[in-house]
C-alpha cells in the first residue's frame, strides 16, 4: 500500500463502528508505543543504542498500517530526535562508564595497595624479628663458647697449680723423709760413737792441749771428750771399738805412744 495516498483520508467519513474500533486500537497502539519508547530509552541508557534502534524498527513494523500512516512523520521526527539524543548520550555514557571503571580501579588499587603495604610491612617486621633473634642466638652461643673456654682455661690453670702443689708437697715430704733418715743415721752414729768399748787415756778438769790431741790423731786414733761430770771432770777416750777384744788389741799401742796408764772401759 502506498503511504502517500492514505495521507488525504478523512476520519469523519469512516463508519462509526469502525471509528470506535480504530479509536480503541489507537489507544492500545499508543500504550504500546509508550511502552516501547520506555523500553527503548531504558535500553539506550543501559546498552548499545544500535540494538535499541533495531528493536524499535522491529516494534514499529508490528504497529498497524493506519497508525504508521497517521504517525509516520511524527515518529520519523521522534526517531531523528532520539537518534540525536542517543548520539549525544552515548559519549556521556561511555565517559561515565570509563570514569566509573577508573573509580573502581582506583578503589581496588586503594583497597589493594594498603593490603599489599601491610603485608610487606608485616614481612619486613618478621624478617627483622628473625634477624634479631638470630643475632641474639649467635651472641648467646658466642658468650657460652667464651664462658666454656674460660672455664676450661681456669680448670687447666687449677690443674697446673694443683700439680705444682702436689709436686712441692712430694718434694717436701721427700726432703722431710731424707732429713729424718739423716737424723736417725746421725743419731745411730752418735749412739754408736757413745757406746761400745773405749780406751781411756786421761781425765782432765780442763780441755786437753792441742799438742796432746794432735799426737793422738797423728798416731791414727779417733778420740772424743766426754761432757763434764758433776765434779767438772772430762774424760779423753780413744775409740769406739766394736768389741772388748778389739779394744784390748789396740791398748798396748796406745800405752806405748800416748799414755802408759791407759785402760779399756765400756760405755
C-alpha atoms as a PDB file:
ATOM      1  CA  UNK A   1       0.000   0.000   0.000  1.00  0.00           C
ATOM      2  CA  UNK A   2       1.201   3.500  -0.846  1.00  0.00           C
ATOM      3  CA  UNK A   3       1.542   5.619   2.286  1.00  0.00           C
ATOM      4  CA  UNK A   4       1.128   8.956   0.429  1.00  0.00           C
ATOM      5  CA  UNK A   5      -2.303   8.027  -0.903  1.00  0.00           C
ATOM      6  CA  UNK A   6      -3.548   7.444   2.668  1.00  0.00           C
ATOM      7  CA  UNK A   7      -2.405  10.858   3.878  1.00  0.00           C
ATOM      8  CA  UNK A   8      -5.574  12.614   2.405  1.00  0.00           C
ATOM      9  CA  UNK A   9      -8.116  10.280   4.050  1.00  0.00           C
ATOM     10  CA  UNK A  10     -10.661  11.906   6.345  1.00  0.00           C
ATOM     11  CA  UNK A  11     -11.540  10.026   9.546  1.00  0.00           C
ATOM     12  CA  UNK A  12     -15.079  11.514   9.738  1.00  0.00           C
ATOM     13  CA  UNK A  13     -16.189   9.673   6.596  1.00  0.00           C
ATOM     14  CA  UNK A  14     -15.334   6.360   8.230  1.00  0.00           C
ATOM     15  CA  UNK A  15     -18.072   4.193   9.572  1.00  0.00           C
ATOM     16  CA  UNK A  16     -18.792   4.898  13.292  1.00  0.00           C
ATOM     17  CA  UNK A  17     -18.369   1.269  14.232  1.00  0.00           C
ATOM     18  CA  UNK A  18     -15.045   1.174  12.506  1.00  0.00           C
ATOM     19  CA  UNK A  19     -14.230   4.526  14.116  1.00  0.00           C
ATOM     20  CA  UNK A  20     -14.694   3.101  17.606  1.00  0.00           C
ATOM     21  CA  UNK A  21     -12.620   0.133  16.752  1.00  0.00           C
ATOM     22  CA  UNK A  22      -9.876   2.286  15.351  1.00  0.00           C
ATOM     23  CA  UNK A  23     -10.010   4.553  18.399  1.00  0.00           C
ATOM     24  CA  UNK A  24      -9.652   1.566  20.683  1.00  0.00           C
ATOM     25  CA  UNK A  25      -6.812   0.231  18.586  1.00  0.00           C
ATOM     26  CA  UNK A  26      -5.252   3.672  18.540  1.00  0.00           C
ATOM     27  CA  UNK A  27      -5.277   3.834  22.335  1.00  0.00           C
ATOM     28  CA  UNK A  28      -3.783   0.386  22.539  1.00  0.00           C
ATOM     29  CA  UNK A  29      -1.197   1.317  19.936  1.00  0.00           C
ATOM     30  CA  UNK A  30      -0.307   4.489  21.805  1.00  0.00           C
ATOM     31  CA  UNK A  31       0.098   2.498  25.009  1.00  0.00           C
ATOM     32  CA  UNK A  32       2.286   0.036  23.175  1.00  0.00           C
ATOM     33  CA  UNK A  33       4.259   2.870  21.655  1.00  0.00           C
ATOM     34  CA  UNK A  34       4.775   4.465  25.080  1.00  0.00           C
ATOM     35  CA  UNK A  35       5.854   1.107  26.484  1.00  0.00           C
ATOM     36  CA  UNK A  36       8.186   0.508  23.560  1.00  0.00           C
ATOM     37  CA  UNK A  37       9.620   4.017  23.845  1.00  0.00           C
ATOM     38  CA  UNK A  38      10.219   3.458  27.563  1.00  0.00           C
ATOM     39  CA  UNK A  39      11.891   0.136  26.862  1.00  0.00           C
ATOM     40  CA  UNK A  40      13.975   1.683  24.108  1.00  0.00           C
ATOM     41  CA  UNK A  41      15.077   4.575  26.318  1.00  0.00           C
ATOM     42  CA  UNK A  42      15.933   2.157  29.102  1.00  0.00           C
ATOM     43  CA  UNK A  43      17.992   0.016  26.781  1.00  0.00           C
ATOM     44  CA  UNK A  44      19.604   3.102  25.283  1.00  0.00           C
ATOM     45  CA  UNK A  45      20.803   4.085  28.756  1.00  0.00           C
ATOM     46  CA  UNK A  46      21.870   0.588  29.737  1.00  0.00           C
ATOM     47  CA  UNK A  47      23.023  -0.942  26.463  1.00  0.00           C
ATOM     48  CA  UNK A  48      24.194  -0.197  22.942  1.00  0.00           C
ATOM     49  CA  UNK A  49      21.925   2.346  21.147  1.00  0.00           C
ATOM     50  CA  UNK A  50      22.219   0.444  17.872  1.00  0.00           C
ATOM     51  CA  UNK A  51      20.413  -2.532  19.362  1.00  0.00           C
ATOM     52  CA  UNK A  52      17.680  -0.220  20.655  1.00  0.00           C
ATOM     53  CA  UNK A  53      17.106   1.233  17.201  1.00  0.00           C
ATOM     54  CA  UNK A  54      16.920  -2.211  15.649  1.00  0.00           C
ATOM     55  CA  UNK A  55      14.379  -3.245  18.302  1.00  0.00           C
ATOM     56  CA  UNK A  56      12.433  -0.076  17.738  1.00  0.00           C
ATOM     57  CA  UNK A  57      12.292  -0.698  13.973  1.00  0.00           C
ATOM     58  CA  UNK A  58      11.053  -4.213  14.594  1.00  0.00           C
ATOM     59  CA  UNK A  59       8.381  -2.984  17.008  1.00  0.00           C
ATOM     60  CA  UNK A  60       7.294  -0.297  14.595  1.00  0.00           C
ATOM     61  CA  UNK A  61       6.678  -2.891  11.958  1.00  0.00           C
ATOM     62  CA  UNK A  62       4.235  -4.567  14.337  1.00  0.00           C
ATOM     63  CA  UNK A  63       2.058  -1.474  14.541  1.00  0.00           C
ATOM     64  CA  UNK A  64      -0.951  -1.360  12.285  1.00  0.00           C
ATOM     65  CA  UNK A  65      -0.672   0.391   8.920  1.00  0.00           C
ATOM     66  CA  UNK A  66      -3.166   3.093   9.950  1.00  0.00           C
ATOM     67  CA  UNK A  67      -1.018   4.090  12.902  1.00  0.00           C
ATOM     68  CA  UNK A  68       2.086   4.126  10.784  1.00  0.00           C
ATOM     69  CA  UNK A  69       0.295   6.361   8.289  1.00  0.00           C
ATOM     70  CA  UNK A  70      -1.003   8.878  10.820  1.00  0.00           C
ATOM     71  CA  UNK A  71       2.133   8.988  12.918  1.00  0.00           C
ATOM     72  CA  UNK A  72       4.824   8.330  10.331  1.00  0.00           C
ATOM     73  CA  UNK A  73       6.052  11.858  10.126  1.00  0.00           C
ATOM     74  CA  UNK A  74       5.822  12.268  13.872  1.00  0.00           C
ATOM     75  CA  UNK A  75       7.758   9.093  14.544  1.00  0.00           C
ATOM     76  CA  UNK A  76      10.364   9.988  11.958  1.00  0.00           C
ATOM     77  CA  UNK A  77      10.981  13.267  13.706  1.00  0.00           C
ATOM     78  CA  UNK A  78      10.878  11.451  17.046  1.00  0.00           C
ATOM     79  CA  UNK A  79      13.365   8.865  15.786  1.00  0.00           C
ATOM     80  CA  UNK A  80      15.629  11.580  14.497  1.00  0.00           C
ATOM     81  CA  UNK A  81      15.463  13.309  17.859  1.00  0.00           C
ATOM     82  CA  UNK A  82      16.053  10.030  19.711  1.00  0.00           C
ATOM     83  CA  UNK A  83      18.970   9.268  17.422  1.00  0.00           C
ATOM     84  CA  UNK A  84      20.492  12.684  18.123  1.00  0.00           C
ATOM     85  CA  UNK A  85      19.913  12.235  21.854  1.00  0.00           C
ATOM     86  CA  UNK A  86      21.432   8.791  21.833  1.00  0.00           C
ATOM     87  CA  UNK A  87      24.372  10.071  19.828  1.00  0.00           C
ATOM     88  CA  UNK A  88      24.793  12.813  22.397  1.00  0.00           C
ATOM     89  CA  UNK A  89      24.234  10.476  25.326  1.00  0.00           C
ATOM     90  CA  UNK A  90      26.441   7.713  24.007  1.00  0.00           C
ATOM     91  CA  UNK A  91      29.735   9.529  24.652  1.00  0.00           C
ATOM     92  CA  UNK A  92      28.409  10.598  28.027  1.00  0.00           C
ATOM     93  CA  UNK A  93      27.550   7.009  28.872  1.00  0.00           C
ATOM     94  CA  UNK A  94      30.938   5.865  27.658  1.00  0.00           C
ATOM     95  CA  UNK A  95      32.574   8.631  29.660  1.00  0.00           C
ATOM     96  CA  UNK A  96      30.525   7.665  32.705  1.00  0.00           C
ATOM     97  CA  UNK A  97      31.443   4.026  32.249  1.00  0.00           C
ATOM     98  CA  UNK A  98      35.099   4.965  31.801  1.00  0.00           C
ATOM     99  CA  UNK A  99      35.030   7.200  34.861  1.00  0.00           C
ATOM    100  CA  UNK A 100      33.206   4.500  36.831  1.00  0.00           C
ATOM    101  CA  UNK A 101      35.753   1.925  35.753  1.00  0.00           C
ATOM    102  CA  UNK A 102      38.575   4.301  36.683  1.00  0.00           C
ATOM    103  CA  UNK A 103      36.953   4.936  40.046  1.00  0.00           C
ATOM    104  CA  UNK A 104      36.503   1.200  40.584  1.00  0.00           C
ATOM    105  CA  UNK A 105      40.108   0.596  39.616  1.00  0.00           C
ATOM    106  CA  UNK A 106      41.247   3.375  41.924  1.00  0.00           C
ATOM    107  CA  UNK A 107      39.097   1.922  44.699  1.00  0.00           C
ATOM    108  CA  UNK A 108      40.548  -1.528  44.004  1.00  0.00           C
ATOM    109  CA  UNK A 109      44.036  -0.082  43.943  1.00  0.00           C
ATOM    110  CA  UNK A 110      43.363   1.809  47.143  1.00  0.00           C
ATOM    111  CA  UNK A 111      41.974  -1.346  48.665  1.00  0.00           C
ATOM    112  CA  UNK A 112      44.805  -3.466  47.303  1.00  0.00           C
ATOM    113  CA  UNK A 113      47.717  -1.128  47.994  1.00  0.00           C
ATOM    114  CA  UNK A 114      47.130  -0.808  51.731  1.00  0.00           C
ATOM    115  CA  UNK A 115      46.780  -4.566  51.974  1.00  0.00           C
ATOM    116  CA  UNK A 116      49.979  -5.103  49.996  1.00  0.00           C
ATOM    117  CA  UNK A 117      51.724  -2.457  52.059  1.00  0.00           C
ATOM    118  CA  UNK A 118      50.525  -4.081  55.245  1.00  0.00           C
ATOM    119  CA  UNK A 119      51.737  -7.475  54.043  1.00  0.00           C
ATOM    120  CA  UNK A 120      55.114  -6.004  53.080  1.00  0.00           C
ATOM    121  CA  UNK A 121      55.361  -4.239  56.434  1.00  0.00           C
ATOM    122  CA  UNK A 122      54.465  -7.449  58.240  1.00  0.00           C
ATOM    123  CA  UNK A 123      57.004  -9.464  56.241  1.00  0.00           C
ATOM    124  CA  UNK A 124      59.655  -6.822  56.869  1.00  0.00           C
ATOM    125  CA  UNK A 125      58.858  -6.842  60.586  1.00  0.00           C
ATOM    126  CA  UNK A 126      59.022 -10.648  60.658  1.00  0.00           C
ATOM    127  CA  UNK A 127      62.332 -10.578  58.786  1.00  0.00           C
ATOM    128  CA  UNK A 128      63.755  -8.025  61.230  1.00  0.00           C
ATOM    129  CA  UNK A 129      62.496 -10.056  64.184  1.00  0.00           C
ATOM    130  CA  UNK A 130      64.055 -13.181  62.679  1.00  0.00           C
ATOM    131  CA  UNK A 131      67.371 -11.394  62.154  1.00  0.00           C
ATOM    132  CA  UNK A 132      67.234 -10.014  65.710  1.00  0.00           C
ATOM    133  CA  UNK A 133      66.604 -13.496  67.130  1.00  0.00           C
ATOM    134  CA  UNK A 134      69.421 -14.953  65.031  1.00  0.00           C
ATOM    135  CA  UNK A 135      71.784 -12.237  66.270  1.00  0.00           C
ATOM    136  CA  UNK A 136      70.744 -12.841  69.879  1.00  0.00           C
ATOM    137  CA  UNK A 137      71.187 -16.599  69.429  1.00  0.00           C
ATOM    138  CA  UNK A 138      74.620 -16.130  67.824  1.00  0.00           C
ATOM    139  CA  UNK A 139      75.614 -13.726  70.616  1.00  0.00           C
ATOM    140  CA  UNK A 140      74.399 -16.165  73.263  1.00  0.00           C
ATOM    141  CA  UNK A 141      76.274 -19.048  71.629  1.00  0.00           C
ATOM    142  CA  UNK A 142      79.427 -16.905  71.437  1.00  0.00           C
ATOM    143  CA  UNK A 143      79.104 -15.948  75.114  1.00  0.00           C
ATOM    144  CA  UNK A 144      78.551 -19.592  76.070  1.00  0.00           C
ATOM    145  CA  UNK A 145      81.571 -20.611  73.984  1.00  0.00           C
ATOM    146  CA  UNK A 146      83.729 -17.944  75.632  1.00  0.00           C
ATOM    147  CA  UNK A 147      82.469 -18.946  79.069  1.00  0.00           C
ATOM    148  CA  UNK A 148      83.268 -22.587  78.304  1.00  0.00           C
ATOM    149  CA  UNK A 149      86.752 -21.641  77.079  1.00  0.00           C
ATOM    150  CA  UNK A 150      87.353 -19.564  80.218  1.00  0.00           C
ATOM    151  CA  UNK A 151      86.121 -22.445  82.373  1.00  0.00           C
ATOM    152  CA  UNK A 152      88.425 -24.903  80.611  1.00  0.00           C
ATOM    153  CA  UNK A 153      91.315 -22.434  80.918  1.00  0.00           C
ATOM    154  CA  UNK A 154      90.649 -21.986  84.633  1.00  0.00           C
ATOM    155  CA  UNK A 155      90.434 -25.752  85.075  1.00  0.00           C
ATOM    156  CA  UNK A 156      93.748 -26.195  83.242  1.00  0.00           C
ATOM    157  CA  UNK A 157      95.376 -23.492  85.373  1.00  0.00           C
ATOM    158  CA  UNK A 158      93.920 -25.025  88.518  1.00  0.00           C
ATOM    159  CA  UNK A 159      95.196 -28.459  87.487  1.00  0.00           C
ATOM    160  CA  UNK A 160      98.611 -26.940  86.842  1.00  0.00           C
ATOM    161  CA  UNK A 161      98.591 -25.279  90.269  1.00  0.00           C
ATOM    162  CA  UNK A 162      97.388 -28.483  91.897  1.00  0.00           C
ATOM    163  CA  UNK A 163     100.121 -30.444  90.138  1.00  0.00           C
ATOM    164  CA  UNK A 164     102.739 -27.941  91.280  1.00  0.00           C
ATOM    165  CA  UNK A 165     101.392 -28.106  94.823  1.00  0.00           C
ATOM    166  CA  UNK A 166     101.422 -31.891  94.676  1.00  0.00           C
ATOM    167  CA  UNK A 167     104.999 -31.930  93.415  1.00  0.00           C
ATOM    168  CA  UNK A 168     106.003 -29.395  96.073  1.00  0.00           C
ATOM    169  CA  UNK A 169     104.340 -31.445  98.778  1.00  0.00           C
ATOM    170  CA  UNK A 170     106.033 -34.548  97.440  1.00  0.00           C
ATOM    171  CA  UNK A 171     109.388 -32.758  97.387  1.00  0.00           C
ATOM    172  CA  UNK A 172     108.851 -31.502 100.923  1.00  0.00           C
ATOM    173  CA  UNK A 173     107.795 -34.961 102.036  1.00  0.00           C
ATOM    174  CA  UNK A 174     110.845 -36.489 100.401  1.00  0.00           C
ATOM    175  CA  UNK A 175     113.037 -33.805 101.940  1.00  0.00           C
ATOM    176  CA  UNK A 176     111.448 -34.389 105.287  1.00  0.00           C
ATOM    177  CA  UNK A 177     111.976 -38.133 104.957  1.00  0.00           C
ATOM    178  CA  UNK A 178     115.584 -37.593 103.901  1.00  0.00           C
ATOM    179  CA  UNK A 179     116.159 -35.238 106.821  1.00  0.00           C
ATOM    180  CA  UNK A 180     114.530 -37.700 109.152  1.00  0.00           C
ATOM    181  CA  UNK A 181     116.674 -40.501 107.789  1.00  0.00           C
ATOM    182  CA  UNK A 182     119.786 -38.340 108.150  1.00  0.00           C
ATOM    183  CA  UNK A 183     118.908 -37.508 111.741  1.00  0.00           C
ATOM    184  CA  UNK A 184     118.254 -41.112 112.510  1.00  0.00           C
ATOM    185  CA  UNK A 185     121.554 -42.038 110.900  1.00  0.00           C
ATOM    186  CA  UNK A 186     123.382 -39.367 112.854  1.00  0.00           C
ATOM    187  CA  UNK A 187     121.600 -40.458 115.979  1.00  0.00           C
ATOM    188  CA  UNK A 188     122.564 -44.025 115.328  1.00  0.00           C
ATOM    189  CA  UNK A 189     126.132 -42.929 114.623  1.00  0.00           C
ATOM    190  CA  UNK A 190     126.129 -40.875 117.801  1.00  0.00           C
ATOM    191  CA  UNK A 191     124.777 -43.750 119.771  1.00  0.00           C
ATOM    192  CA  UNK A 192     127.362 -45.966 118.215  1.00  0.00           C
ATOM    193  CA  UNK A 193     130.053 -43.433 118.954  1.00  0.00           C
ATOM    194  CA  UNK A 194     128.923 -43.072 122.527  1.00  0.00           C
ATOM    195  CA  UNK A 195     128.520 -46.767 123.140  1.00  0.00           C
ATOM    196  CA  UNK A 196     130.824 -49.737 122.956  1.00  0.00           C
ATOM    197  CA  UNK A 197     134.420 -50.118 124.143  1.00  0.00           C
ATOM    198  CA  UNK A 198     136.859 -47.230 124.550  1.00  0.00           C
ATOM    199  CA  UNK A 199     140.444 -46.767 125.752  1.00  0.00           C
ATOM    200  CA  UNK A 200     140.605 -44.028 128.328  1.00  0.00           C
ATOM    201  CA  UNK A 201     143.883 -42.094 128.129  1.00  0.00           C
ATOM    202  CA  UNK A 202     143.205 -39.444 130.768  1.00  0.00           C
ATOM    203  CA  UNK A 203     140.860 -37.302 132.908  1.00  0.00           C
ATOM    204  CA  UNK A 204     141.024 -33.528 132.813  1.00  0.00           C
ATOM    205  CA  UNK A 205     139.302 -30.671 134.532  1.00  0.00           C
ATOM    206  CA  UNK A 206     140.112 -28.526 131.514  1.00  0.00           C
ATOM    207  CA  UNK A 207     140.250 -29.234 127.789  1.00  0.00           C
ATOM    208  CA  UNK A 208     143.496 -31.048 126.854  1.00  0.00           C
ATOM    209  CA  UNK A 209     146.095 -29.130 124.942  1.00  0.00           C
ATOM    210  CA  UNK A 210     146.023 -29.145 121.178  1.00  0.00           C
ATOM    211  CA  UNK A 211     149.547 -30.611 121.099  1.00  0.00           C
ATOM    212  CA  UNK A 212     148.405 -33.631 123.033  1.00  0.00           C
ATOM    213  CA  UNK A 213     145.327 -34.088 120.836  1.00  0.00           C
ATOM    214  CA  UNK A 214     147.474 -33.805 117.665  1.00  0.00           C
ATOM    215  CA  UNK A 215     149.671 -36.668 118.928  1.00  0.00           C
ATOM    216  CA  UNK A 216     146.524 -38.871 119.187  1.00  0.00           C
ATOM    217  CA  UNK A 217     145.289 -38.057 115.696  1.00  0.00           C
ATOM    218  CA  UNK A 218     148.797 -38.346 114.159  1.00  0.00           C
ATOM    219  CA  UNK A 219     149.023 -41.837 115.653  1.00  0.00           C
ATOM    220  CA  UNK A 220     145.885 -42.855 113.708  1.00  0.00           C
ATOM    221  CA  UNK A 221     143.403 -42.887 116.567  1.00  0.00           C
ATOM    222  CA  UNK A 222     139.940 -41.299 116.875  1.00  0.00           C
ATOM    223  CA  UNK A 223     139.110 -39.626 120.152  1.00  0.00           C
ATOM    224  CA  UNK A 224     136.285 -37.877 121.918  1.00  0.00           C
ATOM    225  CA  UNK A 225     135.992 -35.783 125.034  1.00  0.00           C
ATOM    226  CA  UNK A 226     133.033 -36.535 127.264  1.00  0.00           C
ATOM    227  CA  UNK A 227     130.784 -33.954 128.834  1.00  0.00           C
ATOM    228  CA  UNK A 228     131.995 -32.725 132.223  1.00  0.00           C
ATOM    229  CA  UNK A 229     130.666 -34.684 135.162  1.00  0.00           C
ATOM    230  CA  UNK A 230     129.089 -33.178 138.244  1.00  0.00           C
ATOM    231  CA  UNK A 231     132.557 -32.598 139.595  1.00  0.00           C
ATOM    232  CA  UNK A 232     133.694 -30.950 136.338  1.00  0.00           C
ATOM    233  CA  UNK A 233     135.923 -33.795 135.187  1.00  0.00           C
ATOM    234  CA  UNK A 234     136.206 -34.519 131.430  1.00  0.00           C
ATOM    235  CA  UNK A 235     137.404 -37.844 130.027  1.00  0.00           C
ATOM    236  CA  UNK A 236     139.558 -38.312 126.933  1.00  0.00           C
ATOM    237  CA  UNK A 237     138.601 -41.561 125.194  1.00  0.00           C
ATOM    238  CA  UNK A 238     140.014 -43.321 122.124  1.00  0.00           C
ATOM    239  CA  UNK A 239     137.552 -45.440 120.154  1.00  0.00           C
ATOM    240  CA  UNK A 240     134.924 -46.727 119.994  1.00  0.00           C
ATOM    241  CA  UNK A 241     135.692 -50.350 119.274  1.00  0.00           C
ATOM    242  CA  UNK A 242     133.151 -52.963 118.359  1.00  0.00           C
ATOM    243  CA  UNK A 243     134.285 -55.463 120.943  1.00  0.00           C
ATOM    244  CA  UNK A 244     136.386 -55.694 124.044  1.00  0.00           C
ATOM    245  CA  UNK A 245     138.900 -57.907 122.305  1.00  0.00           C
ATOM    246  CA  UNK A 246     139.450 -55.281 119.607  1.00  0.00           C
ATOM    247  CA  UNK A 247     139.957 -52.633 122.260  1.00  0.00           C
ATOM    248  CA  UNK A 248     142.404 -54.875 124.123  1.00  0.00           C
ATOM    249  CA  UNK A 249     144.398 -55.454 120.975  1.00  0.00           C
ATOM    250  CA  UNK A 250     144.854 -51.707 120.465  1.00  0.00           C
ATOM    251  CA  UNK A 251     145.629 -50.969 124.123  1.00  0.00           C
ATOM    252  CA  UNK A 252     149.431 -51.725 124.024  1.00  0.00           C
ATOM    253  CA  UNK A 253     149.925 -49.350 121.102  1.00  0.00           C
ATOM    254  CA  UNK A 254     148.005 -46.604 122.884  1.00  0.00           C
ATOM    255  CA  UNK A 255     150.000 -47.151 126.055  1.00  0.00           C
ATOM    256  CA  UNK A 256     153.239 -47.060 124.129  1.00  0.00           C
ATOM    257  CA  UNK A 257     152.540 -43.830 122.198  1.00  0.00           C
ATOM    258  CA  UNK A 258     150.131 -41.798 124.343  1.00  0.00           C
ATOM    259  CA  UNK A 259     149.785 -42.854 127.968  1.00  0.00           C
ATOM    260  CA  UNK A 260     151.149 -45.879 129.746  1.00  0.00           C
ATOM    261  CA  UNK A 261     148.266 -45.732 132.261  1.00  0.00           C
ATOM    262  CA  UNK A 262     145.560 -46.109 129.539  1.00  0.00           C
ATOM    263  CA  UNK A 263     142.902 -48.805 130.086  1.00  0.00           C
ATOM    264  CA  UNK A 264     139.756 -50.266 128.404  1.00  0.00           C
ATOM    265  CA  UNK A 265     136.261 -49.232 129.529  1.00  0.00           C
ATOM    266  CA  UNK A 266     132.744 -49.990 128.310  1.00  0.00           C
ATOM    267  CA  UNK A 267     130.362 -47.185 127.808  1.00  0.00           C
END
